[in-house]
């Protein structure tokens, strides 16, 4: 019978300890659903405020060493409005803000390898669209239902053209207005593509928290590590 020498055992122990104490997120998390919203409905403080929220939640979970971006689109000012944060500017597409991938959740499960797969056949479900804490967000069959995720985007991850508010004033409104939302649990009232869409299911009834809750939301959104 062969025995390890004490020095070899000590070296192995040190190596294992070093691996378990590596800096950054232990799971390599690069995607999550926010566990909490801004508290002001769809008023996230614009894209900058939404990104800051992603970064703060990621840092609290041990993944603050990465650059986090909110999966949100914005649009130029809608005719007749003056309160858009990017009034008169060019549209911003959610898909262009989040890096190249791949992205994995807090449990190490890959949800998409790249931008094209994310907007095609991805692995986003209620069981994989976890919070930064690795927790499942309640869906349509739960109480309360919180499956509506703010995106302001079409199915391809781009801003939606037109004269309607689709981003709650580019994420600065908590009253009147509307935002496009997706279903993180891929479940809706029927079997249609929008009902099962993770990023572009329907418009919200308003921009305040109560209005978002009325259709099954809580002001939550997706965060991706851009790098």
C-alpha atoms as a PDB file:
ATOM      1  CA  UNK A   1       0.000   0.000   0.000  1.00  0.00           C
ATOM      2  CA  UNK A   2       1.320   3.457  -0.932  1.00  0.00           C
ATOM      3  CA  UNK A   3       0.846   6.524   1.262  1.00  0.00           C
ATOM      4  CA  UNK A   4       1.016  10.203   0.430  1.00  0.00           C
ATOM      5  CA  UNK A   5       3.825  12.002   2.110  1.00  0.00           C
ATOM      6  CA  UNK A   6       2.698  14.772   4.507  1.00  0.00           C
ATOM      7  CA  UNK A   7       4.280  17.399   2.257  1.00  0.00           C
ATOM      8  CA  UNK A   8       2.303  16.150  -0.737  1.00  0.00           C
ATOM      9  CA  UNK A   9      -0.924  16.138   1.267  1.00  0.00           C
ATOM     10  CA  UNK A  10      -0.235  19.677   2.471  1.00  0.00           C
ATOM     11  CA  UNK A  11       0.442  20.855  -1.070  1.00  0.00           C
ATOM     12  CA  UNK A  12      -2.819  19.317  -2.290  1.00  0.00           C
ATOM     13  CA  UNK A  13      -4.740  20.975   0.555  1.00  0.00           C
ATOM     14  CA  UNK A  14      -3.248  24.388  -0.220  1.00  0.00           C
ATOM     15  CA  UNK A  15      -4.058  23.989  -3.920  1.00  0.00           C
ATOM     16  CA  UNK A  16      -7.677  23.072  -3.188  1.00  0.00           C
ATOM     17  CA  UNK A  17      -8.072  26.000  -0.804  1.00  0.00           C
ATOM     18  CA  UNK A  18      -6.675  28.377  -3.403  1.00  0.00           C
ATOM     19  CA  UNK A  19      -9.178  27.157  -5.978  1.00  0.00           C
ATOM     20  CA  UNK A  20     -12.148  27.584  -3.653  1.00  0.00           C
ATOM     21  CA  UNK A  21     -11.079  31.108  -2.706  1.00  0.00           C
ATOM     22  CA  UNK A  22     -10.502  32.479  -6.195  1.00  0.00           C
ATOM     23  CA  UNK A  23     -11.600  36.153  -6.477  1.00  0.00           C
ATOM     24  CA  UNK A  24     -14.806  37.121  -8.229  1.00  0.00           C
ATOM     25  CA  UNK A  25     -17.970  35.103  -8.641  1.00  0.00           C
ATOM     26  CA  UNK A  26     -17.390  31.478  -7.617  1.00  0.00           C
ATOM     27  CA  UNK A  27     -19.823  30.285 -10.282  1.00  0.00           C
ATOM     28  CA  UNK A  28     -18.624  32.537 -13.083  1.00  0.00           C
ATOM     29  CA  UNK A  29     -22.104  34.102 -13.222  1.00  0.00           C
ATOM     30  CA  UNK A  30     -22.603  36.301 -16.258  1.00  0.00           C
ATOM     31  CA  UNK A  31     -26.407  36.555 -16.392  1.00  0.00           C
ATOM     32  CA  UNK A  32     -29.198  37.056 -13.896  1.00  0.00           C
ATOM     33  CA  UNK A  33     -32.664  38.452 -13.311  1.00  0.00           C
ATOM     34  CA  UNK A  34     -32.706  41.268 -10.784  1.00  0.00           C
ATOM     35  CA  UNK A  35     -33.964  40.038  -7.418  1.00  0.00           C
ATOM     36  CA  UNK A  36     -35.437  43.485  -6.759  1.00  0.00           C
ATOM     37  CA  UNK A  37     -36.530  46.411  -8.881  1.00  0.00           C
ATOM     38  CA  UNK A  38     -35.879  50.106  -8.445  1.00  0.00           C
ATOM     39  CA  UNK A  39     -38.907  50.506  -6.194  1.00  0.00           C
ATOM     40  CA  UNK A  40     -40.294  53.059  -8.629  1.00  0.00           C
ATOM     41  CA  UNK A  41     -41.809  50.784 -11.241  1.00  0.00           C
ATOM     42  CA  UNK A  42     -40.247  51.315 -14.650  1.00  0.00           C
ATOM     43  CA  UNK A  43     -38.419  54.448 -13.558  1.00  0.00           C
ATOM     44  CA  UNK A  44     -34.934  52.977 -13.356  1.00  0.00           C
ATOM     45  CA  UNK A  45     -33.047  56.230 -13.675  1.00  0.00           C
ATOM     46  CA  UNK A  46     -32.541  55.657 -17.386  1.00  0.00           C
ATOM     47  CA  UNK A  47     -30.039  53.177 -18.758  1.00  0.00           C
ATOM     48  CA  UNK A  48     -27.333  54.481 -16.437  1.00  0.00           C
ATOM     49  CA  UNK A  49     -29.495  53.841 -13.394  1.00  0.00           C
ATOM     50  CA  UNK A  50     -30.460  50.368 -14.613  1.00  0.00           C
ATOM     51  CA  UNK A  51     -26.827  49.451 -15.256  1.00  0.00           C
ATOM     52  CA  UNK A  52     -25.886  50.690 -11.790  1.00  0.00           C
ATOM     53  CA  UNK A  53     -28.600  48.506 -10.281  1.00  0.00           C
ATOM     54  CA  UNK A  54     -27.219  45.456 -12.126  1.00  0.00           C
ATOM     55  CA  UNK A  55     -23.701  46.275 -10.985  1.00  0.00           C
ATOM     56  CA  UNK A  56     -24.745  46.705  -7.345  1.00  0.00           C
ATOM     57  CA  UNK A  57     -26.665  43.438  -7.208  1.00  0.00           C
ATOM     58  CA  UNK A  58     -23.808  41.598  -8.910  1.00  0.00           C
ATOM     59  CA  UNK A  59     -21.281  43.062  -6.462  1.00  0.00           C
ATOM     60  CA  UNK A  60     -23.390  41.942  -3.497  1.00  0.00           C
ATOM     61  CA  UNK A  61     -23.382  38.430  -4.970  1.00  0.00           C
ATOM     62  CA  UNK A  62     -19.598  38.388  -5.420  1.00  0.00           C
ATOM     63  CA  UNK A  63     -19.546  39.127  -9.150  1.00  0.00           C
ATOM     64  CA  UNK A  64     -18.777  42.829  -9.076  1.00  0.00           C
ATOM     65  CA  UNK A  65     -15.492  42.365 -10.914  1.00  0.00           C
ATOM     66  CA  UNK A  66     -17.357  42.256 -14.220  1.00  0.00           C
ATOM     67  CA  UNK A  67     -19.029  45.044 -16.210  1.00  0.00           C
ATOM     68  CA  UNK A  68     -22.792  44.558 -16.045  1.00  0.00           C
ATOM     69  CA  UNK A  69     -25.422  45.943 -18.388  1.00  0.00           C
ATOM     70  CA  UNK A  70     -29.209  45.943 -18.229  1.00  0.00           C
ATOM     71  CA  UNK A  71     -30.988  44.258 -21.127  1.00  0.00           C
ATOM     72  CA  UNK A  72     -33.021  47.320 -22.098  1.00  0.00           C
ATOM     73  CA  UNK A  73     -33.640  49.234 -25.299  1.00  0.00           C
ATOM     74  CA  UNK A  74     -34.362  52.950 -25.626  1.00  0.00           C
ATOM     75  CA  UNK A  75     -35.963  54.984 -28.398  1.00  0.00           C
ATOM     76  CA  UNK A  76     -35.727  58.527 -29.759  1.00  0.00           C
ATOM     77  CA  UNK A  77     -38.342  60.910 -28.363  1.00  0.00           C
ATOM     78  CA  UNK A  78     -41.903  60.060 -29.302  1.00  0.00           C
ATOM     79  CA  UNK A  79     -43.706  62.888 -31.103  1.00  0.00           C
ATOM     80  CA  UNK A  80     -45.300  65.258 -28.616  1.00  0.00           C
ATOM     81  CA  UNK A  81     -43.190  64.256 -25.620  1.00  0.00           C
ATOM     82  CA  UNK A  82     -40.343  66.116 -23.964  1.00  0.00           C
ATOM     83  CA  UNK A  83     -39.457  64.011 -20.962  1.00  0.00           C
ATOM     84  CA  UNK A  84     -37.365  61.263 -22.555  1.00  0.00           C
ATOM     85  CA  UNK A  85     -33.889  60.903 -21.128  1.00  0.00           C
ATOM     86  CA  UNK A  86     -32.459  60.526 -24.650  1.00  0.00           C
ATOM     87  CA  UNK A  87     -34.819  62.973 -26.343  1.00  0.00           C
ATOM     88  CA  UNK A  88     -33.900  63.372 -29.980  1.00  0.00           C
ATOM     89  CA  UNK A  89     -31.097  60.799 -29.777  1.00  0.00           C
ATOM     90  CA  UNK A  90     -30.654  57.553 -31.637  1.00  0.00           C
ATOM     91  CA  UNK A  91     -32.292  54.353 -30.473  1.00  0.00           C
ATOM     92  CA  UNK A  92     -30.282  51.945 -28.318  1.00  0.00           C
ATOM     93  CA  UNK A  93     -30.753  48.212 -28.812  1.00  0.00           C
ATOM     94  CA  UNK A  94     -30.646  45.892 -25.819  1.00  0.00           C
ATOM     95  CA  UNK A  95     -28.783  43.246 -27.820  1.00  0.00           C
ATOM     96  CA  UNK A  96     -25.941  45.673 -28.524  1.00  0.00           C
ATOM     97  CA  UNK A  97     -25.298  46.429 -24.854  1.00  0.00           C
ATOM     98  CA  UNK A  98     -24.576  43.020 -23.392  1.00  0.00           C
ATOM     99  CA  UNK A  99     -21.321  41.801 -24.888  1.00  0.00           C
ATOM    100  CA  UNK A 100     -20.696  38.683 -26.962  1.00  0.00           C
ATOM    101  CA  UNK A 101     -21.414  35.826 -24.532  1.00  0.00           C
ATOM    102  CA  UNK A 102     -21.499  33.070 -23.542  1.00  0.00           C
ATOM    103  CA  UNK A 103     -23.677  33.765 -20.498  1.00  0.00           C
ATOM    104  CA  UNK A 104     -24.399  31.499 -17.563  1.00  0.00           C
ATOM    105  CA  UNK A 105     -26.561  31.831 -14.477  1.00  0.00           C
ATOM    106  CA  UNK A 106     -25.573  31.692 -10.799  1.00  0.00           C
ATOM    107  CA  UNK A 107     -25.692  27.886 -10.881  1.00  0.00           C
ATOM    108  CA  UNK A 108     -23.289  27.679 -13.819  1.00  0.00           C
ATOM    109  CA  UNK A 109     -25.936  26.756 -16.411  1.00  0.00           C
ATOM    110  CA  UNK A 110     -25.353  28.355 -19.824  1.00  0.00           C
ATOM    111  CA  UNK A 111     -28.428  30.226 -21.082  1.00  0.00           C
ATOM    112  CA  UNK A 112     -26.929  31.252 -24.433  1.00  0.00           C
ATOM    113  CA  UNK A 113     -23.550  31.059 -26.148  1.00  0.00           C
ATOM    114  CA  UNK A 114     -23.825  34.262 -28.162  1.00  0.00           C
ATOM    115  CA  UNK A 115     -26.185  37.065 -29.181  1.00  0.00           C
ATOM    116  CA  UNK A 116     -27.691  35.120 -32.063  1.00  0.00           C
ATOM    117  CA  UNK A 117     -28.499  32.095 -29.925  1.00  0.00           C
ATOM    118  CA  UNK A 118     -29.907  34.344 -27.211  1.00  0.00           C
ATOM    119  CA  UNK A 119     -32.394  35.707 -29.740  1.00  0.00           C
ATOM    120  CA  UNK A 120     -33.009  32.307 -31.275  1.00  0.00           C
ATOM    121  CA  UNK A 121     -33.083  28.923 -29.579  1.00  0.00           C
ATOM    122  CA  UNK A 122     -31.765  29.777 -26.120  1.00  0.00           C
ATOM    123  CA  UNK A 123     -31.893  27.996 -22.790  1.00  0.00           C
ATOM    124  CA  UNK A 124     -33.898  30.617 -20.899  1.00  0.00           C
ATOM    125  CA  UNK A 125     -36.650  29.113 -18.752  1.00  0.00           C
ATOM    126  CA  UNK A 126     -38.134  29.722 -15.330  1.00  0.00           C
ATOM    127  CA  UNK A 127     -35.567  27.277 -13.932  1.00  0.00           C
ATOM    128  CA  UNK A 128     -32.569  28.942 -15.599  1.00  0.00           C
ATOM    129  CA  UNK A 129     -33.545  32.648 -15.450  1.00  0.00           C
ATOM    130  CA  UNK A 130     -32.333  32.898 -11.866  1.00  0.00           C
ATOM    131  CA  UNK A 131     -31.590  35.929  -9.733  1.00  0.00           C
ATOM    132  CA  UNK A 132     -28.062  36.952  -8.786  1.00  0.00           C
ATOM    133  CA  UNK A 133     -28.656  34.923  -5.614  1.00  0.00           C
ATOM    134  CA  UNK A 134     -29.434  31.791  -7.606  1.00  0.00           C
ATOM    135  CA  UNK A 135     -33.130  31.968  -6.755  1.00  0.00           C
ATOM    136  CA  UNK A 136     -36.134  31.244  -8.968  1.00  0.00           C
ATOM    137  CA  UNK A 137     -38.510  34.124  -9.722  1.00  0.00           C
ATOM    138  CA  UNK A 138     -42.190  33.266  -9.398  1.00  0.00           C
ATOM    139  CA  UNK A 139     -44.046  32.799 -12.664  1.00  0.00           C
ATOM    140  CA  UNK A 140     -47.557  32.729 -14.033  1.00  0.00           C
ATOM    141  CA  UNK A 141     -48.659  29.701 -11.993  1.00  0.00           C
ATOM    142  CA  UNK A 142     -47.337  31.221  -8.753  1.00  0.00           C
ATOM    143  CA  UNK A 143     -48.615  33.859  -6.346  1.00  0.00           C
ATOM    144  CA  UNK A 144     -47.629  36.549  -6.835  1.00  0.00           C
ATOM    145  CA  UNK A 145     -46.861  36.266 -10.533  1.00  0.00           C
ATOM    146  CA  UNK A 146     -43.727  38.270 -11.405  1.00  0.00           C
ATOM    147  CA  UNK A 147     -42.844  36.899 -14.822  1.00  0.00           C
ATOM    148  CA  UNK A 148     -42.994  40.220 -16.711  1.00  0.00           C
ATOM    149  CA  UNK A 149     -39.431  41.429 -17.372  1.00  0.00           C
ATOM    150  CA  UNK A 150     -38.870  44.994 -18.580  1.00  0.00           C
ATOM    151  CA  UNK A 151     -37.061  45.062 -21.942  1.00  0.00           C
ATOM    152  CA  UNK A 152     -38.554  47.705 -24.271  1.00  0.00           C
ATOM    153  CA  UNK A 153     -37.479  45.443 -27.108  1.00  0.00           C
ATOM    154  CA  UNK A 154     -38.740  43.452 -30.054  1.00  0.00           C
ATOM    155  CA  UNK A 155     -38.054  39.705 -30.355  1.00  0.00           C
ATOM    156  CA  UNK A 156     -34.720  40.455 -32.046  1.00  0.00           C
ATOM    157  CA  UNK A 157     -33.553  42.542 -29.091  1.00  0.00           C
ATOM    158  CA  UNK A 158     -33.838  45.858 -30.887  1.00  0.00           C
ATOM    159  CA  UNK A 159     -35.798  48.994 -30.049  1.00  0.00           C
ATOM    160  CA  UNK A 160     -39.273  49.092 -31.556  1.00  0.00           C
ATOM    161  CA  UNK A 161     -39.893  51.880 -34.068  1.00  0.00           C
ATOM    162  CA  UNK A 162     -43.098  53.895 -33.962  1.00  0.00           C
ATOM    163  CA  UNK A 163     -44.843  56.704 -32.161  1.00  0.00           C
ATOM    164  CA  UNK A 164     -45.886  54.732 -29.074  1.00  0.00           C
ATOM    165  CA  UNK A 165     -44.094  54.634 -25.757  1.00  0.00           C
ATOM    166  CA  UNK A 166     -42.468  51.217 -25.455  1.00  0.00           C
ATOM    167  CA  UNK A 167     -39.843  52.050 -22.816  1.00  0.00           C
ATOM    168  CA  UNK A 168     -41.696  54.082 -20.157  1.00  0.00           C
ATOM    169  CA  UNK A 169     -39.961  57.231 -21.325  1.00  0.00           C
ATOM    170  CA  UNK A 170     -36.646  55.463 -21.723  1.00  0.00           C
ATOM    171  CA  UNK A 171     -36.914  54.123 -18.190  1.00  0.00           C
ATOM    172  CA  UNK A 172     -37.650  57.445 -16.497  1.00  0.00           C
ATOM    173  CA  UNK A 173     -41.409  57.165 -15.912  1.00  0.00           C
ATOM    174  CA  UNK A 174     -43.313  55.701 -12.999  1.00  0.00           C
ATOM    175  CA  UNK A 175     -46.777  56.918 -13.965  1.00  0.00           C
ATOM    176  CA  UNK A 176     -48.374  57.072 -17.376  1.00  0.00           C
ATOM    177  CA  UNK A 177     -46.792  55.305 -20.311  1.00  0.00           C
ATOM    178  CA  UNK A 178     -45.994  51.741 -21.250  1.00  0.00           C
ATOM    179  CA  UNK A 179     -43.098  49.360 -21.740  1.00  0.00           C
ATOM    180  CA  UNK A 180     -42.646  46.123 -23.639  1.00  0.00           C
ATOM    181  CA  UNK A 181     -42.057  43.190 -21.325  1.00  0.00           C
ATOM    182  CA  UNK A 182     -41.054  39.549 -21.802  1.00  0.00           C
ATOM    183  CA  UNK A 183     -41.970  36.403 -19.861  1.00  0.00           C
ATOM    184  CA  UNK A 184     -39.011  34.840 -18.069  1.00  0.00           C
ATOM    185  CA  UNK A 185     -41.001  31.607 -17.583  1.00  0.00           C
ATOM    186  CA  UNK A 186     -41.944  31.434 -21.289  1.00  0.00           C
ATOM    187  CA  UNK A 187     -45.617  31.088 -20.304  1.00  0.00           C
ATOM    188  CA  UNK A 188     -48.636  33.240 -21.122  1.00  0.00           C
ATOM    189  CA  UNK A 189     -52.361  33.092 -21.713  1.00  0.00           C
ATOM    190  CA  UNK A 190     -52.005  30.919 -24.809  1.00  0.00           C
ATOM    191  CA  UNK A 191     -49.475  29.057 -26.924  1.00  0.00           C
ATOM    192  CA  UNK A 192     -48.628  31.967 -29.205  1.00  0.00           C
ATOM    193  CA  UNK A 193     -45.053  33.110 -29.816  1.00  0.00           C
ATOM    194  CA  UNK A 194     -45.475  36.372 -27.852  1.00  0.00           C
ATOM    195  CA  UNK A 195     -46.886  34.503 -24.851  1.00  0.00           C
ATOM    196  CA  UNK A 196     -43.753  32.359 -24.781  1.00  0.00           C
ATOM    197  CA  UNK A 197     -41.307  35.166 -25.534  1.00  0.00           C
ATOM    198  CA  UNK A 198     -38.649  35.890 -22.927  1.00  0.00           C
ATOM    199  CA  UNK A 199     -38.088  39.444 -24.177  1.00  0.00           C
ATOM    200  CA  UNK A 200     -41.084  40.699 -26.165  1.00  0.00           C
ATOM    201  CA  UNK A 201     -44.458  39.450 -24.978  1.00  0.00           C
ATOM    202  CA  UNK A 202     -46.756  42.455 -24.526  1.00  0.00           C
ATOM    203  CA  UNK A 203     -47.002  46.081 -23.408  1.00  0.00           C
ATOM    204  CA  UNK A 204     -47.470  46.979 -19.762  1.00  0.00           C
ATOM    205  CA  UNK A 205     -50.592  48.800 -18.573  1.00  0.00           C
ATOM    206  CA  UNK A 206     -48.524  51.635 -17.208  1.00  0.00           C
ATOM    207  CA  UNK A 207     -45.152  52.499 -15.722  1.00  0.00           C
ATOM    208  CA  UNK A 208     -45.911  52.565 -12.005  1.00  0.00           C
ATOM    209  CA  UNK A 209     -45.303  49.553  -9.805  1.00  0.00           C
ATOM    210  CA  UNK A 210     -49.020  48.850  -9.319  1.00  0.00           C
ATOM    211  CA  UNK A 211     -49.590  48.955 -13.079  1.00  0.00           C
ATOM    212  CA  UNK A 212     -46.706  46.541 -13.660  1.00  0.00           C
ATOM    213  CA  UNK A 213     -48.039  44.179 -11.014  1.00  0.00           C
ATOM    214  CA  UNK A 214     -51.473  44.213 -12.664  1.00  0.00           C
ATOM    215  CA  UNK A 215     -50.172  42.172 -15.608  1.00  0.00           C
ATOM    216  CA  UNK A 216     -47.763  39.980 -13.645  1.00  0.00           C
ATOM    217  CA  UNK A 217     -44.654  42.041 -13.095  1.00  0.00           C
ATOM    218  CA  UNK A 218     -42.621  43.669 -10.353  1.00  0.00           C
ATOM    219  CA  UNK A 219     -40.273  46.019 -12.180  1.00  0.00           C
ATOM    220  CA  UNK A 220     -37.603  43.347 -12.675  1.00  0.00           C
ATOM    221  CA  UNK A 221     -35.245  43.042 -15.654  1.00  0.00           C
ATOM    222  CA  UNK A 222     -32.351  41.037 -17.077  1.00  0.00           C
ATOM    223  CA  UNK A 223     -28.673  41.776 -16.436  1.00  0.00           C
ATOM    224  CA  UNK A 224     -25.763  40.490 -18.546  1.00  0.00           C
ATOM    225  CA  UNK A 225     -22.012  40.688 -18.041  1.00  0.00           C
ATOM    226  CA  UNK A 226     -20.734  42.635 -21.046  1.00  0.00           C
ATOM    227  CA  UNK A 227     -17.117  41.813 -20.197  1.00  0.00           C
END
